[in-house]
């Protein structure tokens, strides 16, 4: 039975440290009373107050009179772009950790740093996961021009 070499032990220790740090972040977020993942993945949306049939109503619950503006209610609604950004962040984090562990293993065992120039394009393509979120934020810049 052979002993575990330095490179194997280093990779296992780094992987365990990454998992422990993620668990510590998760635990600290769960203990925070004023933070929730649901709120973090939601954004404010203005909705028109309506009855069961979908007709806009006033504050008393009656149908709107001619020329009367509908009442808008600001609510927190789930945001698909924020959810996609979260999934993209986790995916890119796992890719970076995986490739980082592979590079660290090669460096520790062969004493050579691999050429990552071709992998850079792979990482850049992973940024496409953030496109909906970035477009949403970019379009909000132009909201000042709305009447």
N, C-alpha and C. Protein backbone atom coordinates (compact mmCIF):
# COMPACT_ATOMS: atom_id res chain seq x y z
N UNK A 1 0.85 -1.19 0.00
CA UNK A 1 0.00 0.00 0.00
C UNK A 1 0.89 1.24 0.00
N UNK A 2 0.68 2.11 -1.00
CA UNK A 2 1.53 3.29 -1.11
C UNK A 2 0.92 4.46 -0.33
N UNK A 3 1.78 5.31 0.11
CA UNK A 3 1.33 6.52 0.80
C UNK A 3 0.81 7.54 -0.20
N UNK A 4 -0.09 8.37 0.27
CA UNK A 4 -0.61 9.45 -0.58
C UNK A 4 0.53 10.45 -0.80
N UNK A 5 0.76 10.82 -2.06
CA UNK A 5 1.84 11.77 -2.32
C UNK A 5 1.38 13.20 -2.02
N UNK A 6 2.32 14.10 -2.09
CA UNK A 6 2.07 15.49 -1.73
C UNK A 6 0.98 16.13 -2.59
N UNK A 7 1.03 15.89 -3.89
CA UNK A 7 0.06 16.51 -4.81
C UNK A 7 -1.36 16.07 -4.48
N UNK A 8 -1.55 14.78 -4.23
CA UNK A 8 -2.88 14.28 -3.89
C UNK A 8 -3.38 14.90 -2.59
N UNK A 9 -2.50 14.96 -1.59
CA UNK A 9 -2.88 15.52 -0.30
C UNK A 9 -3.21 17.01 -0.42
N UNK A 10 -2.45 17.73 -1.23
CA UNK A 10 -2.69 19.16 -1.41
C UNK A 10 -4.05 19.40 -2.06
N UNK A 11 -4.38 18.62 -3.08
CA UNK A 11 -5.66 18.78 -3.77
C UNK A 11 -6.81 18.48 -2.82
N UNK A 12 -6.70 17.43 -2.04
CA UNK A 12 -7.77 17.08 -1.09
C UNK A 12 -7.93 18.18 -0.06
N UNK A 13 -6.83 18.72 0.46
CA UNK A 13 -6.91 19.79 1.47
C UNK A 13 -7.54 21.06 0.89
N UNK A 14 -7.16 21.43 -0.32
CA UNK A 14 -7.74 22.63 -0.93
C UNK A 14 -9.22 22.42 -1.22
N UNK A 15 -9.59 21.24 -1.72
CA UNK A 15 -11.01 20.96 -1.99
C UNK A 15 -11.83 20.99 -0.70
N UNK A 16 -11.30 20.43 0.37
CA UNK A 16 -11.99 20.47 1.66
C UNK A 16 -12.11 21.90 2.16
N UNK A 17 -11.06 22.70 1.99
CA UNK A 17 -11.12 24.10 2.42
C UNK A 17 -12.18 24.87 1.64
N UNK A 18 -12.32 24.60 0.33
CA UNK A 18 -13.34 25.27 -0.47
C UNK A 18 -14.73 24.89 0.02
N UNK A 19 -14.95 23.60 0.27
CA UNK A 19 -16.26 23.13 0.75
C UNK A 19 -16.58 23.73 2.11
N UNK A 20 -15.61 23.74 3.01
CA UNK A 20 -15.84 24.30 4.35
C UNK A 20 -16.14 25.79 4.26
N UNK A 21 -15.43 26.52 3.41
CA UNK A 21 -15.70 27.96 3.29
C UNK A 21 -17.09 28.22 2.73
N UNK A 22 -17.53 27.39 1.77
CA UNK A 22 -18.89 27.53 1.24
C UNK A 22 -19.93 27.24 2.32
N UNK A 23 -19.68 26.21 3.12
CA UNK A 23 -20.61 25.88 4.20
C UNK A 23 -20.66 26.98 5.27
N UNK A 24 -19.53 27.60 5.55
CA UNK A 24 -19.51 28.70 6.51
C UNK A 24 -20.29 29.91 5.99
N UNK A 25 -20.15 30.20 4.69
CA UNK A 25 -20.95 31.28 4.09
C UNK A 25 -22.43 30.96 4.16
N UNK A 26 -22.78 29.72 3.85
CA UNK A 26 -24.19 29.29 3.89
C UNK A 26 -24.74 29.42 5.32
N UNK A 27 -23.96 28.98 6.29
CA UNK A 27 -24.42 29.05 7.69
C UNK A 27 -24.59 30.49 8.15
N UNK A 28 -23.66 31.36 7.78
CA UNK A 28 -23.78 32.76 8.22
C UNK A 28 -24.98 33.44 7.57
N UNK A 29 -25.30 33.07 6.33
CA UNK A 29 -26.48 33.64 5.68
C UNK A 29 -27.78 33.10 6.29
N UNK A 30 -27.78 31.85 6.69
CA UNK A 30 -28.99 31.28 7.31
C UNK A 30 -29.25 31.90 8.68
N UNK A 31 -28.20 32.28 9.38
CA UNK A 31 -28.36 32.87 10.71
C UNK A 31 -28.79 34.33 10.65
N UNK A 32 -28.58 34.99 9.52
CA UNK A 32 -28.98 36.39 9.39
C UNK A 32 -30.50 36.47 9.34
N UNK A 33 -31.07 37.24 10.21
CA UNK A 33 -32.53 37.33 10.33
C UNK A 33 -33.15 38.19 9.22
N UNK A 34 -32.42 39.15 8.72
CA UNK A 34 -32.99 40.08 7.75
C UNK A 34 -32.58 39.77 6.31
N UNK A 35 -32.04 38.57 6.05
CA UNK A 35 -31.63 38.20 4.70
C UNK A 35 -32.26 36.87 4.33
N UNK A 36 -32.75 36.78 3.10
CA UNK A 36 -33.24 35.50 2.60
C UNK A 36 -32.90 35.40 1.12
N UNK A 37 -32.73 34.18 0.66
CA UNK A 37 -32.42 33.95 -0.75
C UNK A 37 -33.59 34.38 -1.63
N UNK A 38 -34.80 34.18 -1.13
CA UNK A 38 -35.99 34.59 -1.88
C UNK A 38 -35.97 36.09 -2.15
N UNK A 39 -35.65 36.88 -1.12
CA UNK A 39 -35.58 38.33 -1.31
C UNK A 39 -34.42 38.72 -2.23
N UNK A 40 -33.31 38.01 -2.11
CA UNK A 40 -32.16 38.33 -2.94
C UNK A 40 -32.42 38.04 -4.42
N UNK A 41 -33.25 37.06 -4.70
CA UNK A 41 -33.55 36.70 -6.09
C UNK A 41 -34.81 37.39 -6.59
N UNK A 42 -35.35 38.34 -5.83
CA UNK A 42 -36.55 39.07 -6.24
C UNK A 42 -36.18 40.51 -6.55
N UNK A 43 -37.07 41.16 -7.30
CA UNK A 43 -36.89 42.59 -7.56
C UNK A 43 -38.24 43.28 -7.49
N UNK A 44 -38.18 44.57 -7.24
CA UNK A 44 -39.43 45.34 -7.12
C UNK A 44 -40.10 45.50 -8.47
N UNK A 45 -41.42 45.25 -8.49
CA UNK A 45 -42.21 45.36 -9.70
C UNK A 45 -43.47 46.15 -9.35
N UNK A 46 -43.85 47.09 -10.22
CA UNK A 46 -45.08 47.85 -10.00
C UNK A 46 -46.22 47.15 -10.74
N UNK A 47 -47.26 46.78 -10.00
CA UNK A 47 -48.43 46.11 -10.56
C UNK A 47 -49.66 46.97 -10.37
N UNK A 48 -50.60 46.86 -11.29
CA UNK A 48 -51.87 47.58 -11.17
C UNK A 48 -52.82 46.77 -10.31
N UNK A 49 -53.48 47.44 -9.37
CA UNK A 49 -54.44 46.77 -8.51
C UNK A 49 -55.67 46.41 -9.33
N UNK A 50 -56.04 45.12 -9.34
CA UNK A 50 -57.17 44.64 -10.14
C UNK A 50 -58.09 43.77 -9.29
N UNK A 51 -59.31 43.56 -9.83
CA UNK A 51 -60.23 42.63 -9.16
C UNK A 51 -59.97 41.22 -9.70
N UNK A 52 -60.84 40.27 -9.32
CA UNK A 52 -60.64 38.87 -9.72
C UNK A 52 -60.71 38.69 -11.23
N UNK A 53 -61.46 39.54 -11.91
CA UNK A 53 -61.59 39.44 -13.37
C UNK A 53 -60.44 40.11 -14.10
N UNK A 54 -59.58 40.83 -13.39
CA UNK A 54 -58.45 41.51 -14.01
C UNK A 54 -58.73 42.95 -14.38
N UNK A 55 -59.89 43.49 -13.95
CA UNK A 55 -60.24 44.88 -14.23
C UNK A 55 -59.59 45.79 -13.20
N UNK A 56 -58.92 46.86 -13.62
CA UNK A 56 -58.30 47.79 -12.66
C UNK A 56 -59.36 48.39 -11.74
N UNK A 57 -59.02 48.52 -10.45
CA UNK A 57 -59.95 49.06 -9.45
C UNK A 57 -59.29 50.18 -8.68
N UNK A 58 -60.14 50.96 -7.99
CA UNK A 58 -59.61 52.05 -7.16
C UNK A 58 -59.36 51.54 -5.75
N UNK A 59 -59.01 52.44 -4.84
CA UNK A 59 -58.66 52.07 -3.47
C UNK A 59 -59.83 51.42 -2.73
N UNK A 60 -61.06 51.78 -3.07
CA UNK A 60 -62.23 51.21 -2.40
C UNK A 60 -62.65 49.88 -3.01
N UNK A 61 -62.05 49.48 -4.11
CA UNK A 61 -62.39 48.21 -4.75
C UNK A 61 -63.40 48.34 -5.87
N UNK A 62 -63.78 49.57 -6.20
CA UNK A 62 -64.76 49.79 -7.27
C UNK A 62 -64.03 49.95 -8.60
N UNK A 63 -64.68 49.63 -9.71
CA UNK A 63 -64.05 49.84 -11.03
C UNK A 63 -63.69 51.30 -11.23
N UNK A 64 -62.68 51.53 -12.01
CA UNK A 64 -62.19 52.89 -12.23
C UNK A 64 -63.20 53.71 -13.04
N UNK A 65 -63.32 54.97 -12.66
CA UNK A 65 -64.15 55.90 -13.43
C UNK A 65 -63.36 56.37 -14.63
N UNK A 66 -64.04 56.96 -15.61
CA UNK A 66 -63.38 57.45 -16.82
C UNK A 66 -62.32 58.48 -16.46
N UNK A 67 -61.13 58.31 -16.97
CA UNK A 67 -60.04 59.26 -16.73
C UNK A 67 -59.31 59.05 -15.41
N UNK A 68 -59.77 58.13 -14.58
CA UNK A 68 -59.12 57.89 -13.30
C UNK A 68 -57.91 56.97 -13.51
N UNK A 69 -56.79 57.34 -12.89
CA UNK A 69 -55.57 56.55 -13.01
C UNK A 69 -55.64 55.32 -12.11
N UNK A 70 -55.15 54.18 -12.58
CA UNK A 70 -55.17 52.98 -11.73
C UNK A 70 -54.16 53.10 -10.59
N UNK A 71 -54.43 52.38 -9.53
CA UNK A 71 -53.53 52.34 -8.39
C UNK A 71 -52.46 51.29 -8.66
N UNK A 72 -51.21 51.67 -8.45
CA UNK A 72 -50.13 50.71 -8.64
C UNK A 72 -49.60 50.27 -7.28
N UNK A 73 -49.26 49.02 -7.20
CA UNK A 73 -48.74 48.42 -5.98
C UNK A 73 -47.33 47.93 -6.29
N UNK A 74 -46.37 48.27 -5.44
CA UNK A 74 -45.00 47.79 -5.62
C UNK A 74 -44.85 46.51 -4.81
N UNK A 75 -44.47 45.44 -5.51
CA UNK A 75 -44.31 44.13 -4.86
C UNK A 75 -42.96 43.54 -5.25
N UNK A 76 -42.50 42.62 -4.44
CA UNK A 76 -41.29 41.87 -4.75
C UNK A 76 -41.71 40.62 -5.52
N UNK A 77 -41.19 40.46 -6.74
CA UNK A 77 -41.49 39.30 -7.57
C UNK A 77 -40.19 38.59 -7.93
N UNK A 78 -40.29 37.29 -8.12
CA UNK A 78 -39.12 36.50 -8.50
C UNK A 78 -38.54 37.00 -9.82
N UNK A 79 -37.24 37.05 -9.90
CA UNK A 79 -36.56 37.55 -11.10
C UNK A 79 -35.81 36.40 -11.76
N UNK A 80 -36.20 36.09 -12.99
CA UNK A 80 -35.51 35.01 -13.71
C UNK A 80 -34.08 35.40 -14.03
N UNK A 81 -33.83 36.67 -14.31
CA UNK A 81 -32.45 37.08 -14.63
C UNK A 81 -31.54 36.94 -13.42
N UNK A 82 -32.06 37.22 -12.23
CA UNK A 82 -31.24 37.03 -11.03
C UNK A 82 -31.00 35.56 -10.75
N UNK A 83 -32.01 34.73 -11.01
CA UNK A 83 -31.83 33.29 -10.81
C UNK A 83 -30.80 32.74 -11.79
N UNK A 84 -30.87 33.18 -13.05
CA UNK A 84 -29.89 32.74 -14.04
C UNK A 84 -28.49 33.20 -13.64
N UNK A 85 -28.39 34.41 -13.11
CA UNK A 85 -27.08 34.90 -12.65
C UNK A 85 -26.56 34.06 -11.49
N UNK A 86 -27.44 33.64 -10.58
CA UNK A 86 -27.01 32.79 -9.46
C UNK A 86 -26.52 31.44 -9.97
N UNK A 87 -27.29 30.82 -10.87
CA UNK A 87 -26.88 29.53 -11.42
C UNK A 87 -25.57 29.68 -12.18
N UNK A 88 -25.44 30.76 -12.95
CA UNK A 88 -24.20 31.01 -13.67
C UNK A 88 -23.02 31.22 -12.74
N UNK A 89 -23.24 31.92 -11.66
CA UNK A 89 -22.16 32.15 -10.69
C UNK A 89 -21.69 30.84 -10.08
N UNK A 90 -22.64 29.99 -9.69
CA UNK A 90 -22.27 28.70 -9.10
C UNK A 90 -21.55 27.84 -10.13
N UNK A 91 -22.04 27.83 -11.38
CA UNK A 91 -21.41 27.02 -12.42
C UNK A 91 -19.99 27.50 -12.70
N UNK A 92 -19.82 28.81 -12.83
CA UNK A 92 -18.49 29.35 -13.10
C UNK A 92 -17.56 29.13 -11.90
N UNK A 93 -18.09 29.25 -10.69
CA UNK A 93 -17.29 28.97 -9.50
C UNK A 93 -16.78 27.53 -9.50
N UNK A 94 -17.67 26.60 -9.82
CA UNK A 94 -17.26 25.19 -9.86
C UNK A 94 -16.23 24.94 -10.96
N UNK A 95 -16.39 25.60 -12.11
CA UNK A 95 -15.40 25.46 -13.18
C UNK A 95 -14.04 26.00 -12.76
N UNK A 96 -14.03 27.18 -12.14
CA UNK A 96 -12.77 27.76 -11.69
C UNK A 96 -12.11 26.88 -10.63
N UNK A 97 -12.91 26.38 -9.70
CA UNK A 97 -12.35 25.52 -8.66
C UNK A 97 -11.82 24.23 -9.29
N UNK A 98 -12.58 23.65 -10.21
CA UNK A 98 -12.13 22.40 -10.85
C UNK A 98 -10.86 22.58 -11.64
N UNK A 99 -10.83 23.60 -12.50
CA UNK A 99 -9.62 23.84 -13.28
C UNK A 99 -8.46 24.27 -12.37
N UNK A 100 -8.78 25.02 -11.34
CA UNK A 100 -7.73 25.43 -10.40
C UNK A 100 -7.12 24.24 -9.69
N UNK A 101 -7.97 23.29 -9.28
CA UNK A 101 -7.45 22.09 -8.62
C UNK A 101 -6.61 21.26 -9.59
N UNK A 102 -7.05 21.18 -10.84
CA UNK A 102 -6.28 20.43 -11.84
C UNK A 102 -4.92 21.08 -12.08
N UNK A 103 -4.89 22.41 -12.19
CA UNK A 103 -3.62 23.13 -12.38
C UNK A 103 -2.73 22.99 -11.15
N UNK A 104 -3.32 23.07 -9.97
CA UNK A 104 -2.55 22.92 -8.74
C UNK A 104 -1.97 21.52 -8.63
N UNK A 105 -2.75 20.53 -9.03
CA UNK A 105 -2.26 19.14 -8.99
C UNK A 105 -1.08 18.96 -9.94
N UNK A 106 -1.24 19.50 -11.14
CA UNK A 106 -0.14 19.37 -12.12
C UNK A 106 1.10 20.10 -11.63
N UNK A 107 0.93 21.27 -11.04
CA UNK A 107 2.07 22.02 -10.53
C UNK A 107 2.75 21.27 -9.38
N UNK A 108 1.94 20.69 -8.49
CA UNK A 108 2.52 20.00 -7.34
C UNK A 108 3.16 18.66 -7.71
N UNK A 109 2.63 17.99 -8.73
CA UNK A 109 3.17 16.67 -9.07
C UNK A 109 4.27 16.71 -10.14
N UNK A 110 4.14 17.59 -11.14
CA UNK A 110 5.10 17.63 -12.24
C UNK A 110 5.98 18.88 -12.17
N UNK A 111 5.65 19.81 -11.31
CA UNK A 111 6.38 21.07 -11.16
C UNK A 111 6.30 21.88 -12.45
N UNK A 112 5.11 21.92 -13.06
CA UNK A 112 4.89 22.64 -14.30
C UNK A 112 3.51 23.27 -14.27
N UNK A 113 3.43 24.54 -14.64
CA UNK A 113 2.14 25.22 -14.71
C UNK A 113 1.60 25.05 -16.13
N UNK A 114 0.38 24.49 -16.29
CA UNK A 114 -0.13 24.25 -17.64
C UNK A 114 -0.50 25.55 -18.34
N UNK A 115 -0.47 25.49 -19.69
CA UNK A 115 -0.85 26.63 -20.52
C UNK A 115 -2.38 26.73 -20.54
N UNK A 116 -2.94 27.80 -20.01
CA UNK A 116 -4.39 27.96 -19.91
C UNK A 116 -4.96 28.93 -20.93
N UNK A 117 -4.19 29.26 -21.98
CA UNK A 117 -4.68 30.24 -22.95
C UNK A 117 -5.91 29.73 -23.69
N UNK A 118 -5.98 28.44 -24.01
CA UNK A 118 -7.15 27.90 -24.70
C UNK A 118 -8.35 27.78 -23.76
N UNK A 119 -8.10 27.57 -22.49
CA UNK A 119 -9.18 27.48 -21.51
C UNK A 119 -9.81 28.85 -21.23
N UNK A 120 -9.08 29.90 -21.52
CA UNK A 120 -9.61 31.25 -21.27
C UNK A 120 -10.86 31.49 -22.09
N UNK A 121 -10.88 31.05 -23.35
CA UNK A 121 -12.08 31.20 -24.17
C UNK A 121 -13.26 30.45 -23.57
N UNK A 122 -12.99 29.30 -22.99
CA UNK A 122 -14.04 28.52 -22.33
C UNK A 122 -14.63 29.32 -21.16
N UNK A 123 -13.78 29.94 -20.38
CA UNK A 123 -14.27 30.74 -19.25
C UNK A 123 -15.03 31.97 -19.73
N UNK A 124 -14.56 32.62 -20.79
CA UNK A 124 -15.27 33.77 -21.32
C UNK A 124 -16.66 33.39 -21.83
N UNK A 125 -16.76 32.21 -22.43
CA UNK A 125 -18.08 31.78 -22.91
C UNK A 125 -19.03 31.52 -21.75
N UNK A 126 -18.52 31.20 -20.59
CA UNK A 126 -19.36 31.01 -19.41
C UNK A 126 -20.01 32.30 -18.94
N UNK A 127 -19.43 33.42 -19.32
CA UNK A 127 -20.01 34.71 -18.94
C UNK A 127 -21.35 34.97 -19.64
N UNK A 128 -21.64 34.21 -20.69
CA UNK A 128 -22.92 34.36 -21.40
C UNK A 128 -24.08 34.08 -20.45
N UNK A 129 -23.85 33.27 -19.41
CA UNK A 129 -24.90 32.99 -18.44
C UNK A 129 -25.39 34.27 -17.74
N UNK A 130 -24.55 35.29 -17.71
CA UNK A 130 -24.92 36.54 -17.05
C UNK A 130 -25.57 37.54 -18.00
N UNK A 131 -25.70 37.21 -19.26
CA UNK A 131 -26.23 38.16 -20.25
C UNK A 131 -27.61 38.69 -19.89
N UNK A 132 -28.60 37.86 -19.50
CA UNK A 132 -29.92 38.43 -19.17
C UNK A 132 -29.85 39.43 -18.02
N UNK A 133 -29.06 39.12 -17.02
CA UNK A 133 -28.93 40.02 -15.87
C UNK A 133 -28.27 41.33 -16.28
N UNK A 134 -27.22 41.25 -17.07
CA UNK A 134 -26.52 42.46 -17.50
C UNK A 134 -27.40 43.32 -18.40
N UNK A 135 -28.15 42.70 -19.31
CA UNK A 135 -29.04 43.46 -20.18
C UNK A 135 -30.13 44.14 -19.36
N UNK A 136 -30.66 43.46 -18.36
CA UNK A 136 -31.68 44.04 -17.50
C UNK A 136 -31.13 45.26 -16.76
N UNK A 137 -29.93 45.14 -16.23
CA UNK A 137 -29.32 46.26 -15.52
C UNK A 137 -28.99 47.40 -16.49
N UNK A 138 -28.51 47.06 -17.68
CA UNK A 138 -28.16 48.08 -18.67
C UNK A 138 -29.42 48.83 -19.12
N UNK A 139 -30.53 48.12 -19.29
CA UNK A 139 -31.77 48.78 -19.72
C UNK A 139 -32.33 49.67 -18.62
N UNK A 140 -32.05 49.36 -17.36
CA UNK A 140 -32.56 50.21 -16.28
C UNK A 140 -31.86 51.57 -16.26
N UNK A 141 -30.67 51.66 -16.87
CA UNK A 141 -29.97 52.96 -16.95
C UNK A 141 -30.80 53.95 -17.77
N UNK A 142 -31.48 53.44 -18.80
CA UNK A 142 -32.25 54.30 -19.68
C UNK A 142 -33.67 54.56 -19.17
N UNK A 143 -34.00 54.08 -17.98
CA UNK A 143 -35.34 54.30 -17.43
C UNK A 143 -35.57 55.77 -17.07
N UNK A 144 -34.51 56.56 -16.94
CA UNK A 144 -34.69 57.98 -16.63
C UNK A 144 -35.32 58.73 -17.79
N UNK A 145 -35.25 58.17 -19.00
CA UNK A 145 -35.83 58.83 -20.17
C UNK A 145 -37.30 58.50 -20.37
N UNK A 146 -37.85 57.58 -19.55
CA UNK A 146 -39.26 57.24 -19.69
C UNK A 146 -40.12 58.40 -19.19
N UNK A 147 -41.28 58.63 -19.83
CA UNK A 147 -42.13 59.74 -19.38
C UNK A 147 -42.78 59.44 -18.05
